[in-house]
Structure formats: structure tokens, C-alpha cells
Amino acid sequence: MEEPMATLNVKNLPDPLYRKLQARARRQRRSLAQEVIHLLTQAVEGDDTQSILELRGLGKELWTRVDATAHVDSERRSWD
């Protein structure tokens, strides 16, 4: 049995935002309603995966005063 679908009415939506949503929906080849559902789903459920490019520079402040070569050499010596 199919679950009933809710209806959401949005009042006082600024015209510029509405036009941007319409344009975005057209580019994605979706109806306005489908695009809003897509955007709301992304916002609520999120996407926990990250691109490796998004991680670039993460934690760099931890390495500002560290000589990378000396650190790697020290780590390698600790393996023995």
C-alpha cells in the first residue's frame, strides 16, 4: 500500500527566489515541485560523502612548525 503524500504550501516566497528555483528546475529537467523536493531532501538528509578535493588543506595548522622530512624519518625509526 502506498504511503499518502503530504502537501506543503509556501507563502511569501520572494519573486527572485521563485524565478531562480524555476530556472534551476528547467536546467535539471524537473518540475518546480520536483526541484523543491530534491533540494529539501538534500538539505535534510545531506550527503555525508566528501570529495578528496574538499579535504585539501584540512589540518594544515597542525603542521605549520613541523619539518615534514624530519617527522617522516622519526616515524620510520619508530617502526624498528
N, C-alpha and C. Protein backbone atom coordinates (compact mmCIF):
# COMPACT_ATOMS: atom_id res chain seq x y z
N MET A 1 0.84 -1.19 0.00
CA MET A 1 0.00 0.00 0.00
C MET A 1 0.88 1.25 0.00
N GLU A 2 0.55 2.19 -0.84
CA GLU A 2 1.34 3.39 -0.98
C GLU A 2 1.06 4.36 0.16
N GLU A 3 2.12 4.96 0.67
CA GLU A 3 2.01 5.94 1.75
C GLU A 3 1.45 7.25 1.21
N PRO A 4 0.54 7.90 1.95
CA PRO A 4 -0.01 9.18 1.47
C PRO A 4 1.08 10.25 1.43
N MET A 5 0.95 11.16 0.49
CA MET A 5 1.92 12.24 0.34
C MET A 5 1.36 13.51 0.97
N ALA A 6 2.24 14.22 1.66
CA ALA A 6 1.85 15.48 2.30
C ALA A 6 1.90 16.61 1.28
N THR A 7 1.24 17.68 1.60
CA THR A 7 1.26 18.88 0.78
C THR A 7 1.89 20.00 1.59
N LEU A 8 2.76 20.77 0.94
CA LEU A 8 3.42 21.89 1.60
C LEU A 8 3.14 23.14 0.80
N ASN A 9 2.56 24.14 1.43
CA ASN A 9 2.33 25.44 0.79
C ASN A 9 3.32 26.43 1.37
N VAL A 10 3.96 27.17 0.50
CA VAL A 10 4.94 28.17 0.95
C VAL A 10 4.37 29.55 0.61
N LYS A 11 4.22 30.37 1.63
CA LYS A 11 3.69 31.73 1.43
C LYS A 11 4.82 32.74 1.52
N ASN A 12 4.64 33.84 0.89
CA ASN A 12 5.58 34.97 0.92
C ASN A 12 6.96 34.60 0.38
N LEU A 13 7.00 33.74 -0.61
CA LEU A 13 8.25 33.39 -1.27
C LEU A 13 8.68 34.56 -2.14
N PRO A 14 9.84 35.11 -1.92
CA PRO A 14 10.27 36.25 -2.73
C PRO A 14 10.33 35.89 -4.22
N ASP A 15 9.85 36.81 -5.06
CA ASP A 15 9.83 36.57 -6.51
C ASP A 15 11.20 36.19 -7.08
N PRO A 16 12.28 36.87 -6.67
CA PRO A 16 13.59 36.49 -7.23
C PRO A 16 13.96 35.03 -6.90
N LEU A 17 13.65 34.59 -5.70
CA LEU A 17 13.93 33.21 -5.32
C LEU A 17 13.09 32.24 -6.14
N TYR A 18 11.83 32.58 -6.34
CA TYR A 18 10.94 31.75 -7.14
C TYR A 18 11.47 31.61 -8.58
N ARG A 19 11.93 32.71 -9.15
CA ARG A 19 12.46 32.67 -10.51
C ARG A 19 13.74 31.83 -10.58
N LYS A 20 14.58 31.93 -9.55
CA LYS A 20 15.80 31.11 -9.52
C LYS A 20 15.45 29.62 -9.41
N LEU A 21 14.46 29.31 -8.59
CA LEU A 21 14.03 27.91 -8.48
C LEU A 21 13.48 27.40 -9.81
N GLN A 22 12.70 28.23 -10.48
CA GLN A 22 12.16 27.84 -11.78
C GLN A 22 13.29 27.57 -12.78
N ALA A 23 14.26 28.46 -12.81
CA ALA A 23 15.38 28.32 -13.75
C ALA A 23 16.19 27.06 -13.41
N ARG A 24 16.41 26.84 -12.14
CA ARG A 24 17.16 25.65 -11.72
C ARG A 24 16.41 24.38 -12.11
N ALA A 25 15.12 24.36 -11.89
CA ALA A 25 14.29 23.21 -12.25
C ALA A 25 14.37 22.95 -13.75
N ARG A 26 14.31 24.00 -14.54
CA ARG A 26 14.41 23.85 -16.00
C ARG A 26 15.75 23.24 -16.39
N ARG A 27 16.84 23.75 -15.78
CA ARG A 27 18.18 23.23 -16.10
C ARG A 27 18.31 21.75 -15.74
N GLN A 28 17.65 21.34 -14.67
CA GLN A 28 17.71 19.96 -14.21
C GLN A 28 16.65 19.08 -14.85
N ARG A 29 15.84 19.69 -15.71
CA ARG A 29 14.74 19.00 -16.39
C ARG A 29 13.77 18.37 -15.39
N ARG A 30 13.44 19.18 -14.38
CA ARG A 30 12.47 18.77 -13.36
C ARG A 30 11.37 19.81 -13.29
N SER A 31 10.25 19.40 -12.74
CA SER A 31 9.19 20.38 -12.46
C SER A 31 9.65 21.20 -11.25
N LEU A 32 8.98 22.31 -11.04
CA LEU A 32 9.32 23.13 -9.88
C LEU A 32 9.14 22.34 -8.59
N ALA A 33 8.04 21.59 -8.49
CA ALA A 33 7.79 20.78 -7.30
C ALA A 33 8.87 19.72 -7.11
N GLN A 34 9.28 19.07 -8.18
CA GLN A 34 10.33 18.06 -8.09
C GLN A 34 11.65 18.67 -7.63
N GLU A 35 11.95 19.86 -8.14
CA GLU A 35 13.20 20.53 -7.76
C GLU A 35 13.19 20.91 -6.29
N VAL A 36 12.06 21.43 -5.81
CA VAL A 36 11.96 21.80 -4.39
C VAL A 36 12.10 20.56 -3.51
N ILE A 37 11.47 19.46 -3.91
CA ILE A 37 11.59 18.21 -3.15
C ILE A 37 13.05 17.75 -3.15
N HIS A 38 13.71 17.84 -4.30
CA HIS A 38 15.11 17.45 -4.41
C HIS A 38 15.98 18.28 -3.46
N LEU A 39 15.81 19.60 -3.49
CA LEU A 39 16.60 20.49 -2.65
C LEU A 39 16.33 20.26 -1.16
N LEU A 40 15.06 20.07 -0.80
CA LEU A 40 14.73 19.81 0.60
C LEU A 40 15.31 18.48 1.06
N THR A 41 15.26 17.48 0.21
CA THR A 41 15.83 16.17 0.55
C THR A 41 17.32 16.30 0.80
N GLN A 42 18.02 17.01 -0.08
CA GLN A 42 19.46 17.21 0.10
C GLN A 42 19.76 17.94 1.40
N ALA A 43 18.97 18.95 1.71
CA ALA A 43 19.21 19.75 2.90
C ALA A 43 18.95 18.96 4.18
N VAL A 44 17.93 18.13 4.17
CA VAL A 44 17.54 17.39 5.37
C VAL A 44 18.37 16.13 5.55
N GLU A 45 18.54 15.38 4.46
CA GLU A 45 19.26 14.12 4.56
C GLU A 45 20.76 14.31 4.39
N GLY A 46 21.13 15.31 3.63
CA GLY A 46 22.53 15.60 3.42
C GLY A 46 23.26 14.50 2.69
N ASP A 47 24.46 14.80 2.29
CA ASP A 47 25.33 13.85 1.65
C ASP A 47 26.60 13.81 2.47
N ASP A 48 26.82 12.72 3.20
CA ASP A 48 27.95 12.64 4.11
C ASP A 48 29.28 12.37 3.40
N THR A 49 29.24 12.06 2.11
CA THR A 49 30.48 11.81 1.41
C THR A 49 31.14 13.13 1.04
N GLN A 50 32.45 13.12 1.04
CA GLN A 50 33.19 14.31 0.66
C GLN A 50 34.15 13.96 -0.46
N SER A 51 34.36 14.91 -1.32
CA SER A 51 35.36 14.77 -2.36
C SER A 51 36.72 14.96 -1.70
N ILE A 52 37.72 14.26 -2.20
CA ILE A 52 39.08 14.44 -1.68
C ILE A 52 39.51 15.90 -1.81
N LEU A 53 38.99 16.59 -2.82
CA LEU A 53 39.35 17.99 -3.02
C LEU A 53 38.82 18.89 -1.90
N GLU A 54 37.72 18.48 -1.27
CA GLU A 54 37.16 19.26 -0.16
C GLU A 54 38.03 19.15 1.08
N LEU A 55 38.88 18.13 1.14
CA LEU A 55 39.73 17.91 2.31
C LEU A 55 41.07 18.62 2.19
N ARG A 56 41.34 19.21 1.02
CA ARG A 56 42.62 19.87 0.79
C ARG A 56 42.87 20.95 1.84
N GLY A 57 44.03 20.88 2.47
CA GLY A 57 44.42 21.88 3.45
C GLY A 57 43.86 21.64 4.84
N LEU A 58 43.02 20.61 5.00
CA LEU A 58 42.43 20.32 6.30
C LEU A 58 43.52 19.92 7.29
N GLY A 59 43.60 20.59 8.40
CA GLY A 59 44.59 20.28 9.43
C GLY A 59 45.96 20.89 9.20
N LYS A 60 46.08 21.75 8.20
CA LYS A 60 47.40 22.31 7.89
C LYS A 60 47.99 23.11 9.05
N GLU A 61 47.12 23.64 9.90
CA GLU A 61 47.63 24.41 11.04
C GLU A 61 48.41 23.53 12.01
N LEU A 62 48.16 22.23 11.98
CA LEU A 62 48.90 21.30 12.86
C LEU A 62 50.33 21.10 12.39
N TRP A 63 50.62 21.41 11.14
CA TRP A 63 51.93 21.14 10.56
C TRP A 63 52.75 22.40 10.29
N THR A 64 52.30 23.55 10.77
CA THR A 64 52.98 24.80 10.42
C THR A 64 54.42 24.86 10.91
N ARG A 65 54.71 24.30 12.07
CA ARG A 65 56.07 24.38 12.63
C ARG A 65 56.76 23.01 12.65
N VAL A 66 56.34 22.13 11.76
CA VAL A 66 56.89 20.78 11.73
C VAL A 66 57.67 20.59 10.43
N ASP A 67 58.89 20.08 10.55
CA ASP A 67 59.68 19.72 9.37
C ASP A 67 59.18 18.36 8.92
N ALA A 68 58.53 18.30 7.77
CA ALA A 68 57.90 17.07 7.30
C ALA A 68 58.91 15.94 7.13
N THR A 69 60.07 16.23 6.58
CA THR A 69 61.09 15.20 6.37
C THR A 69 61.55 14.62 7.71
N ALA A 70 61.82 15.48 8.68
CA ALA A 70 62.26 15.02 9.99
C ALA A 70 61.16 14.20 10.66
N HIS A 71 59.93 14.60 10.49
CA HIS A 71 58.81 13.86 11.08
C HIS A 71 58.69 12.46 10.47
N VAL A 72 58.77 12.38 9.15
CA VAL A 72 58.68 11.08 8.47
C VAL A 72 59.85 10.19 8.90
N ASP A 73 61.05 10.75 8.95
CA ASP A 73 62.21 9.97 9.39
C ASP A 73 62.03 9.45 10.81
N SER A 74 61.50 10.29 11.68
CA SER A 74 61.25 9.90 13.08
C SER A 74 60.22 8.77 13.14
N GLU A 75 59.18 8.87 12.36
CA GLU A 75 58.15 7.83 12.31
C GLU A 75 58.75 6.52 11.81
N ARG A 76 59.55 6.59 10.78
CA ARG A 76 60.16 5.38 10.22
C ARG A 76 61.09 4.71 11.24
N ARG A 77 61.84 5.52 11.98
CA ARG A 77 62.74 4.96 13.01
C ARG A 77 61.94 4.24 14.10
N SER A 78 60.71 4.72 14.37
CA SER A 78 59.90 4.13 15.44
C SER A 78 59.34 2.77 15.04
N TRP A 79 59.40 2.42 13.75
CA TRP A 79 58.88 1.15 13.30
C TRP A 79 59.80 -0.01 13.67
N ASP A 80 61.07 0.28 13.89
CA ASP A 80 62.03 -0.80 14.19
C ASP A 80 61.92 -1.31 15.60
